[in-house]
Amino acid sequence: MHQSMAAGDVRPQNNNVLPFDTACKIADLSRSTMYRLINAGRGPRVLKLSERRVGVRRDDLDAWLAGRERDATG
């Protein structure tokens, strides 16, 4: 089944939800650093999965990482 793409989209959306630890590994950040960034409003959007678990959509993580790369180079 094909996902529909809006005009201007470069790739299909990937809304897979990653466990928080996986998102930290992909970002190459410790849990405490990632939480500090999120609490400061400078981290990726997180989803509350249950009372004690959070996750991050893959697209949100990728966009956040791309923004950090742009900030670092530009």
Protein backbone atom coordinates (compact mmCIF):
# COMPACT_ATOMS: atom_id res chain seq x y z
CA MET A 1 0.00 0.00 0.00
CA HIS A 2 1.37 3.43 -0.95
CA GLN A 3 1.29 6.40 1.37
CA SER A 4 0.04 9.61 -0.19
CA MET A 5 2.44 12.53 -0.29
CA ALA A 6 1.54 16.19 -0.22
CA ALA A 7 2.99 18.44 -2.89
CA GLY A 8 6.58 19.30 -2.04
CA ASP A 9 7.18 16.29 0.20
CA VAL A 10 10.50 14.67 -0.52
CA ARG A 11 9.85 11.32 1.14
CA PRO A 12 6.95 9.44 2.68
CA GLN A 13 6.27 10.07 6.35
CA ASN A 14 7.73 7.70 8.90
CA ASN A 15 5.56 8.00 11.97
CA ASN A 16 7.01 4.94 13.66
CA VAL A 17 7.32 5.61 17.36
CA LEU A 18 10.75 4.86 18.79
CA PRO A 19 11.33 3.99 22.43
CA PHE A 20 13.09 6.85 24.22
CA ASP A 21 16.30 4.85 24.68
CA THR A 22 16.44 4.12 20.95
CA ALA A 23 15.95 7.80 20.13
CA CYS A 24 18.81 8.66 22.49
CA LYS A 25 21.09 6.13 20.79
CA ILE A 26 20.25 7.46 17.32
CA ALA A 27 20.92 11.02 18.52
CA ASP A 28 24.10 9.84 20.25
CA LEU A 29 23.00 11.49 23.51
CA SER A 30 22.64 10.17 27.03
CA ARG A 31 19.17 9.90 28.52
CA SER A 32 19.92 12.72 30.96
CA THR A 33 21.13 15.06 28.20
CA MET A 34 18.09 14.28 26.05
CA TYR A 35 15.73 14.92 28.99
CA ARG A 36 17.54 18.19 29.77
CA LEU A 37 17.10 19.36 26.16
CA ILE A 38 13.43 18.35 26.13
CA ASN A 39 12.74 20.09 29.45
CA ALA A 40 14.45 23.23 28.13
CA GLY A 41 12.21 23.16 25.04
CA ARG A 42 15.15 22.38 22.75
CA GLY A 43 14.60 18.65 22.23
CA PRO A 44 12.43 16.58 19.90
CA ARG A 45 8.71 16.24 20.55
CA VAL A 46 7.94 13.28 22.77
CA LEU A 47 4.84 11.16 23.17
CA LYS A 48 3.66 9.84 26.50
CA LEU A 49 3.14 6.13 25.83
CA SER A 50 2.13 5.20 29.36
CA GLU A 51 2.54 6.49 32.88
CA ARG A 52 6.26 5.70 32.84
CA ARG A 53 7.21 5.50 29.15
CA VAL A 54 7.79 8.09 26.45
CA GLY A 55 8.64 7.70 22.81
CA VAL A 56 9.64 9.84 19.85
CA ARG A 57 8.23 9.65 16.33
CA ARG A 58 11.01 8.86 13.88
CA ASP A 59 10.11 11.82 11.65
CA ASP A 60 10.21 14.21 14.62
CA LEU A 61 13.62 12.88 15.66
CA ASP A 62 14.99 13.12 12.10
CA ALA A 63 13.71 16.71 11.72
CA TRP A 64 15.17 17.70 15.10
CA LEU A 65 18.54 16.16 14.24
CA ALA A 66 18.58 17.92 10.86
CA GLY A 67 17.85 21.22 12.60
CA ARG A 68 20.72 20.66 15.01
CA GLU A 69 23.06 19.96 12.08
CA ARG A 70 21.95 23.17 10.33
CA ASP A 71 22.48 25.15 13.54
CA ALA A 72 25.96 23.68 13.98
CA THR A 73 27.08 24.46 10.44
CA GLY A 74 25.40 27.71 9.79
